[in-house]
Amino acid sequence: MAAETGRAGLAGIVALSLTLSGCGFFQAKPEQSLEDLTPEQIYNQGEATLETGKPDDAAELFAEVERLYPYSVWAKRALIMQAFAYHRDRDYENSRATAQRYIDFYPAEEDAAYAQYLLALSYYDQIDEVGRDQGLTFQALQALREVIEKYPDSEYASSAILKFDLAFDHLAAKEMEIGRYYLRRGHYIAAINRFRVIVEEFQTTTQTPEALHRLVEAYLSLGLTAEAQTAGAILAYNYRATEWYDDTYTLLARRNLQAQAKGDSWLRQIYRQTIKGEWL
């Protein structure tokens, strides 16, 4: 009897809940339109959405702040956050375009440095492996230079310098790869031209010691011992602690040659400039 009474009570509660539900008592409150929110509320929604790992949705919310309240201080904040959200979403084209708009609209603002840095990153983060076209690397270098030269005192300058050096080394590595390709196939003149670019234009990169060693290999293969010895002399003076100097020393010693400046080639000029300081 008690069980039947319990079942009857439960049935009554279920019936009541269904009735109330049908009357809309438990219906969800309709979602508030963005037009009814303040710019700060929309901006905060964008930040919250970004924190949940949805940068594409966050970018849309930041864009709405700019659209609905174009002349507010929140629109300015939202614009730089929109560029950041696009970058977080790896939508580099939109990130770059948005960052550029910020620079155009607010060139004197403190966040202009960050906008320029984001613009540079939109190229830098797309740099492919060495074997592919390096057009983006050139664009990254140009954009990073803008950060370094226009905003030298900003917090992004040191990071831009580091990335500039890495991108510069990336270009040198591309030249090395092509030079090695020619060297392996016995196209010594073509290989020398590539290694020469590194020694003359990328001498501050990590590729220079190997480039000098490869020049020694290429010139010895052509029987141009004076050039080979001069390349070895530059290597010995600047990079004696590297494995490339050891390999060069062994290579020259097998031919009873020494690493010393000889002749009057372009390498002798490099030797005079970098070692003796004779620039004229």
C-alpha atoms as a PDB file:
ATOM      1  CA  MET A   1       0.000   0.000   0.000  1.00  0.00           C
ATOM      2  CA  ALA A   2       2.842   2.375   0.869  1.00  0.00           C
ATOM      3  CA  ALA A   3       4.601   1.490  -2.388  1.00  0.00           C
ATOM      4  CA  GLU A   4       1.453   2.306  -4.357  1.00  0.00           C
ATOM      5  CA  THR A   5       1.183   5.651  -2.548  1.00  0.00           C
ATOM      6  CA  GLY A   6       4.838   6.444  -3.414  1.00  0.00           C
ATOM      7  CA  ARG A   7       4.291   5.613  -7.061  1.00  0.00           C
ATOM      8  CA  ALA A   8       1.214   7.808  -7.141  1.00  0.00           C
ATOM      9  CA  GLY A   9       3.153  10.706  -5.591  1.00  0.00           C
ATOM     10  CA  LEU A  10       6.004  10.347  -8.112  1.00  0.00           C
ATOM     11  CA  ALA A  11       3.542  10.250 -10.984  1.00  0.00           C
ATOM     12  CA  GLY A  12       1.990  13.461  -9.716  1.00  0.00           C
ATOM     13  CA  ILE A  13       5.356  15.253  -9.593  1.00  0.00           C
ATOM     14  CA  VAL A  14       6.216  14.148 -13.144  1.00  0.00           C
ATOM     15  CA  ALA A  15       2.806  15.288 -14.378  1.00  0.00           C
ATOM     16  CA  LEU A  16       3.235  18.652 -12.676  1.00  0.00           C
ATOM     17  CA  SER A  17       6.703  19.150 -14.157  1.00  0.00           C
ATOM     18  CA  LEU A  18       5.443  18.347 -17.645  1.00  0.00           C
ATOM     19  CA  THR A  19       2.580  20.786 -17.221  1.00  0.00           C
ATOM     20  CA  LEU A  20       4.907  23.548 -16.047  1.00  0.00           C
ATOM     21  CA  SER A  21       7.330  22.785 -18.859  1.00  0.00           C
ATOM     22  CA  GLY A  22       4.539  23.027 -21.376  1.00  0.00           C
ATOM     23  CA  CYS A  23       3.579  26.420 -19.979  1.00  0.00           C
ATOM     24  CA  GLY A  24       7.188  27.627 -20.500  1.00  0.00           C
ATOM     25  CA  PHE A  25       8.014  27.775 -16.796  1.00  0.00           C
ATOM     26  CA  PHE A  26      11.390  26.003 -17.329  1.00  0.00           C
ATOM     27  CA  GLN A  27      12.162  27.421 -20.779  1.00  0.00           C
ATOM     28  CA  ALA A  28      15.718  28.837 -21.169  1.00  0.00           C
ATOM     29  CA  LYS A  29      16.079  32.569 -21.116  1.00  0.00           C
ATOM     30  CA  PRO A  30      16.548  33.818 -24.690  1.00  0.00           C
ATOM     31  CA  GLU A  31      20.157  34.713 -25.536  1.00  0.00           C
ATOM     32  CA  GLN A  32      20.854  38.428 -25.396  1.00  0.00           C
ATOM     33  CA  SER A  33      21.709  40.087 -28.723  1.00  0.00           C
ATOM     34  CA  LEU A  34      25.179  41.621 -29.078  1.00  0.00           C
ATOM     35  CA  GLU A  35      23.504  44.910 -29.991  1.00  0.00           C
ATOM     36  CA  ASP A  36      22.090  45.030 -26.462  1.00  0.00           C
ATOM     37  CA  LEU A  37      25.495  44.626 -24.823  1.00  0.00           C
ATOM     38  CA  THR A  38      28.029  47.306 -23.986  1.00  0.00           C
ATOM     39  CA  PRO A  39      31.371  47.292 -25.830  1.00  0.00           C
ATOM     40  CA  GLU A  40      33.071  46.188 -22.627  1.00  0.00           C
ATOM     41  CA  GLN A  41      30.712  43.221 -22.284  1.00  0.00           C
ATOM     42  CA  ILE A  42      31.347  42.077 -25.858  1.00  0.00           C
ATOM     43  CA  TYR A  43      35.080  42.556 -25.388  1.00  0.00           C
ATOM     44  CA  ASN A  44      35.010  40.464 -22.225  1.00  0.00           C
ATOM     45  CA  GLN A  45      33.070  37.764 -24.078  1.00  0.00           C
ATOM     46  CA  GLY A  46      35.836  37.779 -26.694  1.00  0.00           C
ATOM     47  CA  GLU A  47      38.537  37.327 -24.066  1.00  0.00           C
ATOM     48  CA  ALA A  48      36.588  34.547 -22.370  1.00  0.00           C
ATOM     49  CA  THR A  49      36.075  32.797 -25.707  1.00  0.00           C
ATOM     50  CA  LEU A  50      39.774  33.099 -26.468  1.00  0.00           C
ATOM     51  CA  GLU A  51      40.621  31.456 -23.143  1.00  0.00           C
ATOM     52  CA  THR A  52      38.369  28.495 -23.975  1.00  0.00           C
ATOM     53  CA  GLY A  53      40.466  27.746 -27.060  1.00  0.00           C
ATOM     54  CA  LYS A  54      38.193  29.200 -29.726  1.00  0.00           C
ATOM     55  CA  PRO A  55      40.282  31.975 -31.296  1.00  0.00           C
ATOM     56  CA  ASP A  56      38.177  32.123 -34.477  1.00  0.00           C
ATOM     57  CA  ASP A  57      35.005  32.840 -32.473  1.00  0.00           C
ATOM     58  CA  ALA A  58      36.920  35.303 -30.316  1.00  0.00           C
ATOM     59  CA  ALA A  59      38.096  37.190 -33.403  1.00  0.00           C
ATOM     60  CA  GLU A  60      34.478  37.548 -34.528  1.00  0.00           C
ATOM     61  CA  LEU A  61      33.471  38.978 -31.155  1.00  0.00           C
ATOM     62  CA  PHE A  62      36.326  41.487 -31.198  1.00  0.00           C
ATOM     63  CA  ALA A  63      35.294  42.461 -34.716  1.00  0.00           C
ATOM     64  CA  GLU A  64      31.769  43.101 -33.436  1.00  0.00           C
ATOM     65  CA  VAL A  65      33.086  45.567 -30.880  1.00  0.00           C
ATOM     66  CA  GLU A  66      34.720  47.503 -33.688  1.00  0.00           C
ATOM     67  CA  ARG A  67      31.615  47.316 -35.857  1.00  0.00           C
ATOM     68  CA  LEU A  68      29.081  48.321 -33.196  1.00  0.00           C
ATOM     69  CA  TYR A  69      31.213  50.859 -31.327  1.00  0.00           C
ATOM     70  CA  PRO A  70      33.792  52.050 -33.878  1.00  0.00           C
ATOM     71  CA  TYR A  71      34.882  55.185 -32.019  1.00  0.00           C
ATOM     72  CA  SER A  72      35.123  53.772 -28.527  1.00  0.00           C
ATOM     73  CA  VAL A  73      38.273  52.960 -26.603  1.00  0.00           C
ATOM     74  CA  TRP A  74      37.090  49.360 -26.614  1.00  0.00           C
ATOM     75  CA  ALA A  75      37.163  49.292 -30.406  1.00  0.00           C
ATOM     76  CA  LYS A  76      40.862  50.165 -30.301  1.00  0.00           C
ATOM     77  CA  ARG A  77      41.555  47.412 -27.779  1.00  0.00           C
ATOM     78  CA  ALA A  78      39.426  44.945 -29.698  1.00  0.00           C
ATOM     79  CA  LEU A  79      41.288  45.621 -32.943  1.00  0.00           C
ATOM     80  CA  ILE A  80      44.659  44.545 -31.560  1.00  0.00           C
ATOM     81  CA  MET A  81      43.041  41.558 -29.831  1.00  0.00           C
ATOM     82  CA  GLN A  82      41.386  40.623 -33.093  1.00  0.00           C
ATOM     83  CA  ALA A  83      44.810  40.514 -34.773  1.00  0.00           C
ATOM     84  CA  PHE A  84      46.107  38.365 -31.906  1.00  0.00           C
ATOM     85  CA  ALA A  85      43.121  35.987 -32.088  1.00  0.00           C
ATOM     86  CA  TYR A  86      43.567  35.521 -35.830  1.00  0.00           C
ATOM     87  CA  HIS A  87      47.233  34.730 -35.277  1.00  0.00           C
ATOM     88  CA  ARG A  88      46.370  32.252 -32.527  1.00  0.00           C
ATOM     89  CA  ASP A  89      44.003  30.612 -35.048  1.00  0.00           C
ATOM     90  CA  ARG A  90      46.852  30.526 -37.609  1.00  0.00           C
ATOM     91  CA  ASP A  91      44.805  32.725 -39.902  1.00  0.00           C
ATOM     92  CA  TYR A  92      47.923  34.656 -40.802  1.00  0.00           C
ATOM     93  CA  GLU A  93      46.469  36.643 -43.676  1.00  0.00           C
ATOM     94  CA  ASN A  94      43.682  38.129 -41.554  1.00  0.00           C
ATOM     95  CA  SER A  95      46.055  38.640 -38.625  1.00  0.00           C
ATOM     96  CA  ARG A  96      48.405  40.582 -40.875  1.00  0.00           C
ATOM     97  CA  ALA A  97      45.616  42.682 -42.373  1.00  0.00           C
ATOM     98  CA  THR A  98      44.143  43.489 -38.949  1.00  0.00           C
ATOM     99  CA  ALA A  99      47.524  44.382 -37.476  1.00  0.00           C
ATOM    100  CA  GLN A 100      48.186  46.676 -40.421  1.00  0.00           C
ATOM    101  CA  ARG A 101      44.837  48.405 -39.866  1.00  0.00           C
ATOM    102  CA  TYR A 102      45.794  49.034 -36.260  1.00  0.00           C
ATOM    103  CA  ILE A 103      49.103  50.568 -37.354  1.00  0.00           C
ATOM    104  CA  ASP A 104      47.296  52.741 -39.914  1.00  0.00           C
ATOM    105  CA  PHE A 105      44.626  53.933 -37.461  1.00  0.00           C
ATOM    106  CA  TYR A 106      46.711  54.224 -34.281  1.00  0.00           C
ATOM    107  CA  PRO A 107      50.377  54.700 -35.258  1.00  0.00           C
ATOM    108  CA  ALA A 108      51.215  56.628 -32.103  1.00  0.00           C
ATOM    109  CA  GLU A 109      49.633  54.194 -29.650  1.00  0.00           C
ATOM    110  CA  GLU A 110      51.751  51.970 -27.431  1.00  0.00           C
ATOM    111  CA  ASP A 111      50.238  48.815 -28.959  1.00  0.00           C
ATOM    112  CA  ALA A 112      51.431  49.862 -32.430  1.00  0.00           C
ATOM    113  CA  ALA A 113      54.733  48.128 -31.622  1.00  0.00           C
ATOM    114  CA  TYR A 114      52.875  44.923 -30.820  1.00  0.00           C
ATOM    115  CA  ALA A 115      50.789  45.264 -33.998  1.00  0.00           C
ATOM    116  CA  GLN A 116      53.993  45.523 -36.049  1.00  0.00           C
ATOM    117  CA  TYR A 117      55.410  42.531 -34.186  1.00  0.00           C
ATOM    118  CA  LEU A 118      52.268  40.483 -34.923  1.00  0.00           C
ATOM    119  CA  LEU A 119      52.520  41.485 -38.567  1.00  0.00           C
ATOM    120  CA  ALA A 120      56.101  40.229 -38.656  1.00  0.00           C
ATOM    121  CA  LEU A 121      55.105  36.997 -36.918  1.00  0.00           C
ATOM    122  CA  SER A 122      52.428  36.395 -39.542  1.00  0.00           C
ATOM    123  CA  TYR A 123      55.310  35.925 -42.000  1.00  0.00           C
ATOM    124  CA  TYR A 124      57.873  34.432 -39.633  1.00  0.00           C
ATOM    125  CA  ASP A 125      55.605  31.647 -38.370  1.00  0.00           C
ATOM    126  CA  GLN A 126      55.016  30.512 -41.954  1.00  0.00           C
ATOM    127  CA  ILE A 127      58.677  30.072 -42.842  1.00  0.00           C
ATOM    128  CA  ASP A 128      58.931  26.628 -44.329  1.00  0.00           C
ATOM    129  CA  GLU A 129      61.765  24.174 -44.205  1.00  0.00           C
ATOM    130  CA  VAL A 130      64.961  25.122 -46.008  1.00  0.00           C
ATOM    131  CA  GLY A 131      64.115  23.281 -49.207  1.00  0.00           C
ATOM    132  CA  ARG A 132      61.143  25.458 -50.144  1.00  0.00           C
ATOM    133  CA  ASP A 133      60.743  28.948 -51.602  1.00  0.00           C
ATOM    134  CA  GLN A 134      62.042  31.585 -49.225  1.00  0.00           C
ATOM    135  CA  GLY A 135      59.797  34.505 -50.238  1.00  0.00           C
ATOM    136  CA  LEU A 136      58.129  34.536 -46.830  1.00  0.00           C
ATOM    137  CA  THR A 137      61.536  34.647 -45.173  1.00  0.00           C
ATOM    138  CA  PHE A 138      62.382  37.873 -47.014  1.00  0.00           C
ATOM    139  CA  GLN A 139      59.027  39.358 -45.998  1.00  0.00           C
ATOM    140  CA  ALA A 140      59.578  38.283 -42.388  1.00  0.00           C
ATOM    141  CA  LEU A 141      63.004  39.943 -42.383  1.00  0.00           C
ATOM    142  CA  GLN A 142      61.572  43.204 -43.706  1.00  0.00           C
ATOM    143  CA  ALA A 143      58.746  43.233 -41.149  1.00  0.00           C
ATOM    144  CA  LEU A 144      61.066  42.319 -38.268  1.00  0.00           C
ATOM    145  CA  ARG A 145      63.412  45.112 -39.301  1.00  0.00           C
ATOM    146  CA  GLU A 146      60.475  47.512 -38.975  1.00  0.00           C
ATOM    147  CA  VAL A 147      60.000  46.431 -35.360  1.00  0.00           C
ATOM    148  CA  ILE A 148      63.700  46.814 -34.594  1.00  0.00           C
ATOM    149  CA  GLU A 149      64.100  50.205 -36.267  1.00  0.00           C
ATOM    150  CA  LYS A 150      60.763  51.844 -35.420  1.00  0.00           C
ATOM    151  CA  TYR A 151      60.330  50.490 -31.895  1.00  0.00           C
ATOM    152  CA  PRO A 152      63.860  49.895 -30.562  1.00  0.00           C
ATOM    153  CA  ASP A 153      62.815  50.561 -26.974  1.00  0.00           C
ATOM    154  CA  SER A 154      59.751  48.338 -27.003  1.00  0.00           C
ATOM    155  CA  GLU A 155      59.544  45.003 -25.239  1.00  0.00           C
ATOM    156  CA  TYR A 156      59.318  43.285 -28.639  1.00  0.00           C
ATOM    157  CA  ALA A 157      62.599  44.604 -30.045  1.00  0.00           C
ATOM    158  CA  SER A 158      64.840  41.943 -28.483  1.00  0.00           C
ATOM    159  CA  SER A 159      62.582  39.121 -29.657  1.00  0.00           C
ATOM    160  CA  ALA A 160      62.469  40.679 -33.136  1.00  0.00           C
ATOM    161  CA  ILE A 161      66.283  40.801 -33.238  1.00  0.00           C
ATOM    162  CA  LEU A 162      66.506  37.123 -32.286  1.00  0.00           C
ATOM    163  CA  LYS A 163      63.956  36.119 -34.906  1.00  0.00           C
ATOM    164  CA  PHE A 164      65.664  38.319 -37.491  1.00  0.00           C
ATOM    165  CA  ASP A 165      68.948  36.496 -36.906  1.00  0.00           C
ATOM    166  CA  LEU A 166      67.225  33.115 -37.168  1.00  0.00           C
ATOM    167  CA  ALA A 167      65.443  34.085 -40.386  1.00  0.00           C
ATOM    168  CA  PHE A 168      68.710  35.466 -41.786  1.00  0.00           C
ATOM    169  CA  ASP A 169      70.423  32.180 -40.961  1.00  0.00           C
ATOM    170  CA  HIS A 170      67.523  30.407 -42.662  1.00  0.00           C
ATOM    171  CA  LEU A 171      68.281  32.216 -45.927  1.00  0.00           C
ATOM    172  CA  ALA A 172      71.951  31.364 -45.630  1.00  0.00           C
ATOM    173  CA  ALA A 173      71.029  27.714 -45.085  1.00  0.00           C
ATOM    174  CA  LYS A 174      69.086  27.839 -48.341  1.00  0.00           C
ATOM    175  CA  GLU A 175      72.178  29.045 -50.177  1.00  0.00           C
ATOM    176  CA  MET A 176      74.235  26.302 -48.510  1.00  0.00           C
ATOM    177  CA  GLU A 177      71.789  23.640 -49.589  1.00  0.00           C
ATOM    178  CA  ILE A 178      71.972  24.746 -53.222  1.00  0.00           C
ATOM    179  CA  GLY A 179      75.751  25.055 -53.033  1.00  0.00           C
ATOM    180  CA  ARG A 180      76.113  21.526 -51.682  1.00  0.00           C
ATOM    181  CA  TYR A 181      73.845  20.269 -54.464  1.00  0.00           C
ATOM    182  CA  TYR A 182      76.115  21.765 -57.119  1.00  0.00           C
ATOM    183  CA  LEU A 183      79.262  20.601 -55.322  1.00  0.00           C
ATOM    184  CA  ARG A 184      78.073  16.978 -55.160  1.00  0.00           C
ATOM    185  CA  ARG A 185      77.449  17.017 -58.903  1.00  0.00           C
ATOM    186  CA  GLY A 186      80.789  18.524 -59.786  1.00  0.00           C
ATOM    187  CA  HIS A 187      79.401  21.927 -60.820  1.00  0.00           C
ATOM    188  CA  TYR A 188      82.163  23.702 -58.960  1.00  0.00           C
ATOM    189  CA  ILE A 189      81.769  27.223 -60.339  1.00  0.00           C
ATOM    190  CA  ALA A 190      78.047  27.237 -59.549  1.00  0.00           C
ATOM    191  CA  ALA A 191      78.796  25.912 -56.067  1.00  0.00           C
ATOM    192  CA  ILE A 192      81.465  28.564 -55.468  1.00  0.00           C
ATOM    193  CA  ASN A 193      79.022  31.303 -56.436  1.00  0.00           C
ATOM    194  CA  ARG A 194      76.574  30.107 -53.783  1.00  0.00           C
ATOM    195  CA  PHE A 195      79.206  29.798 -51.064  1.00  0.00           C
ATOM    196  CA  ARG A 196      80.552  33.219 -52.001  1.00  0.00           C
ATOM    197  CA  VAL A 197      77.129  34.756 -51.314  1.00  0.00           C
ATOM    198  CA  ILE A 198      77.251  33.359 -47.794  1.00  0.00           C
ATOM    199  CA  VAL A 199      80.776  34.602 -47.089  1.00  0.00           C
ATOM    200  CA  GLU A 200      80.066  38.080 -48.463  1.00  0.00           C
ATOM    201  CA  GLU A 201      76.430  38.651 -47.477  1.00  0.00           C
ATOM    202  CA  PHE A 202      75.697  36.220 -44.632  1.00  0.00           C
ATOM    203  CA  GLN A 203      79.012  36.224 -42.792  1.00  0.00           C
ATOM    204  CA  THR A 204      77.363  36.664 -39.389  1.00  0.00           C
ATOM    205  CA  THR A 205      75.365  33.434 -39.710  1.00  0.00           C
ATOM    206  CA  THR A 206      76.220  29.954 -38.515  1.00  0.00           C
ATOM    207  CA  GLN A 207      76.589  28.820 -42.135  1.00  0.00           C
ATOM    208  CA  THR A 208      79.827  30.721 -42.779  1.00  0.00           C
ATOM    209  CA  PRO A 209      82.348  28.166 -41.411  1.00  0.00           C
ATOM    210  CA  GLU A 210      80.965  25.396 -43.600  1.00  0.00           C
ATOM    211  CA  ALA A 211      80.765  27.739 -46.598  1.00  0.00           C
ATOM    212  CA  LEU A 212      84.501  28.473 -46.247  1.00  0.00           C
ATOM    213  CA  HIS A 213      85.300  24.773 -45.973  1.00  0.00           C
ATOM    214  CA  ARG A 214      83.222  23.999 -49.057  1.00  0.00           C
ATOM    215  CA  LEU A 215      85.067  26.747 -50.915  1.00  0.00           C
ATOM    216  CA  VAL A 216      88.317  24.970 -50.046  1.00  0.00           C
ATOM    217  CA  GLU A 217      86.865  21.725 -51.444  1.00  0.00           C
ATOM    218  CA  ALA A 218      85.595  23.362 -54.623  1.00  0.00           C
ATOM    219  CA  TYR A 219      88.774  25.323 -55.341  1.00  0.00           C
ATOM    220  CA  LEU A 220      90.989  22.298 -54.735  1.00  0.00           C
ATOM    221  CA  SER A 221      88.815  20.313 -57.147  1.00  0.00           C
ATOM    222  CA  LEU A 222      89.487  23.009 -59.759  1.00  0.00           C
ATOM    223  CA  GLY A 223      93.205  23.073 -58.969  1.00  0.00           C
ATOM    224  CA  LEU A 224      93.017  26.645 -57.643  1.00  0.00           C
ATOM    225  CA  THR A 225      95.229  26.163 -54.615  1.00  0.00           C
ATOM    226  CA  ALA A 226      95.797  29.849 -53.804  1.00  0.00           C
ATOM    227  CA  GLU A 227      92.061  30.450 -53.435  1.00  0.00           C
ATOM    228  CA  ALA A 228      91.687  27.268 -51.384  1.00  0.00           C
ATOM    229  CA  GLN A 229      94.499  28.302 -49.045  1.00  0.00           C
ATOM    230  CA  THR A 230      93.041  31.801 -48.610  1.00  0.00           C
ATOM    231  CA  ALA A 231      89.603  30.400 -47.747  1.00  0.00           C
ATOM    232  CA  GLY A 232      91.366  28.152 -45.251  1.00  0.00           C
ATOM    233  CA  ALA A 233      93.195  31.148 -43.768  1.00  0.00           C
ATOM    234  CA  ILE A 234      89.928  33.005 -43.128  1.00  0.00           C
ATOM    235  CA  LEU A 235      88.473  29.876 -41.602  1.00  0.00           C
ATOM    236  CA  ALA A 236      91.531  29.354 -39.411  1.00  0.00           C
ATOM    237  CA  TYR A 237      91.462  32.923 -38.137  1.00  0.00           C
ATOM    238  CA  ASN A 238      87.747  33.195 -37.356  1.00  0.00           C
ATOM    239  CA  TYR A 239      86.537  29.626 -36.774  1.00  0.00           C
ATOM    240  CA  ARG A 240      89.500  27.596 -35.557  1.00  0.00           C
ATOM    241  CA  ALA A 241      87.393  25.900 -32.864  1.00  0.00           C
ATOM    242  CA  THR A 242      84.920  24.432 -35.367  1.00  0.00           C
ATOM    243  CA  GLU A 243      84.897  21.008 -36.973  1.00  0.00           C
ATOM    244  CA  TRP A 244      85.094  22.715 -40.361  1.00  0.00           C
ATOM    245  CA  TYR A 245      88.558  24.053 -39.588  1.00  0.00           C
ATOM    246  CA  ASP A 246      89.730  20.561 -38.624  1.00  0.00           C
ATOM    247  CA  ASP A 247      88.403  19.150 -41.890  1.00  0.00           C
ATOM    248  CA  THR A 248      89.986  21.974 -43.885  1.00  0.00           C
ATOM    249  CA  TYR A 249      93.354  21.545 -42.150  1.00  0.00           C
ATOM    250  CA  THR A 250      93.314  17.833 -43.003  1.00  0.00           C
ATOM    251  CA  LEU A 251      92.265  18.517 -46.598  1.00  0.00           C
ATOM    252  CA  LEU A 252      95.055  21.031 -47.173  1.00  0.00           C
ATOM    253  CA  ALA A 253      97.680  18.963 -45.357  1.00  0.00           C
ATOM    254  CA  ARG A 254      97.077  16.015 -47.676  1.00  0.00           C
ATOM    255  CA  ARG A 255      98.261  18.268 -50.499  1.00  0.00           C
ATOM    256  CA  ASN A 256     101.133  19.735 -48.486  1.00  0.00           C
ATOM    257  CA  LEU A 257      99.349  23.066 -48.363  1.00  0.00           C
ATOM    258  CA  GLN A 258      98.826  25.506 -45.507  1.00  0.00           C
ATOM    259  CA  ALA A 259      95.968  27.799 -44.588  1.00  0.00           C
ATOM    260  CA  GLN A 260      97.423  31.146 -45.637  1.00  0.00           C
ATOM    261  CA  ALA A 261      96.335  34.113 -47.721  1.00  0.00           C
ATOM    262  CA  LYS A 262      97.725  33.918 -51.243  1.00  0.00           C
ATOM    263  CA  GLY A 263      96.968  35.395 -54.642  1.00  0.00           C
ATOM    264  CA  ASP A 264      94.650  38.313 -55.328  1.00  0.00           C
ATOM    265  CA  SER A 265      91.160  36.777 -55.562  1.00  0.00           C
ATOM    266  CA  TRP A 266      87.937  38.050 -53.974  1.00  0.00           C
ATOM    267  CA  LEU A 267      88.811  35.902 -50.953  1.00  0.00           C
ATOM    268  CA  ARG A 268      92.093  37.793 -50.488  1.00  0.00           C
ATOM    269  CA  GLN A 269      90.030  40.973 -50.288  1.00  0.00           C
ATOM    270  CA  ILE A 270      87.786  39.364 -47.649  1.00  0.00           C
ATOM    271  CA  TYR A 271      90.919  38.356 -45.768  1.00  0.00           C
ATOM    272  CA  ARG A 272      92.274  41.896 -45.801  1.00  0.00           C
ATOM    273  CA  GLN A 273      88.947  43.336 -44.687  1.00  0.00           C
ATOM    274  CA  THR A 274      87.989  40.934 -41.938  1.00  0.00           C
ATOM    275  CA  ILE A 275      91.405  40.069 -40.538  1.00  0.00           C
ATOM    276  CA  LYS A 276      93.690  43.000 -41.243  1.00  0.00           C
ATOM    277  CA  GLY A 277      91.000  45.671 -41.267  1.00  0.00           C
ATOM    278  CA  GLU A 278      92.081  47.013 -44.664  1.00  0.00           C
ATOM    279  CA  TRP A 279      88.861  48.236 -46.270  1.00  0.00           C
ATOM    280  CA  LEU A 280      90.361  50.269 -49.089  1.00  0.00           C
END
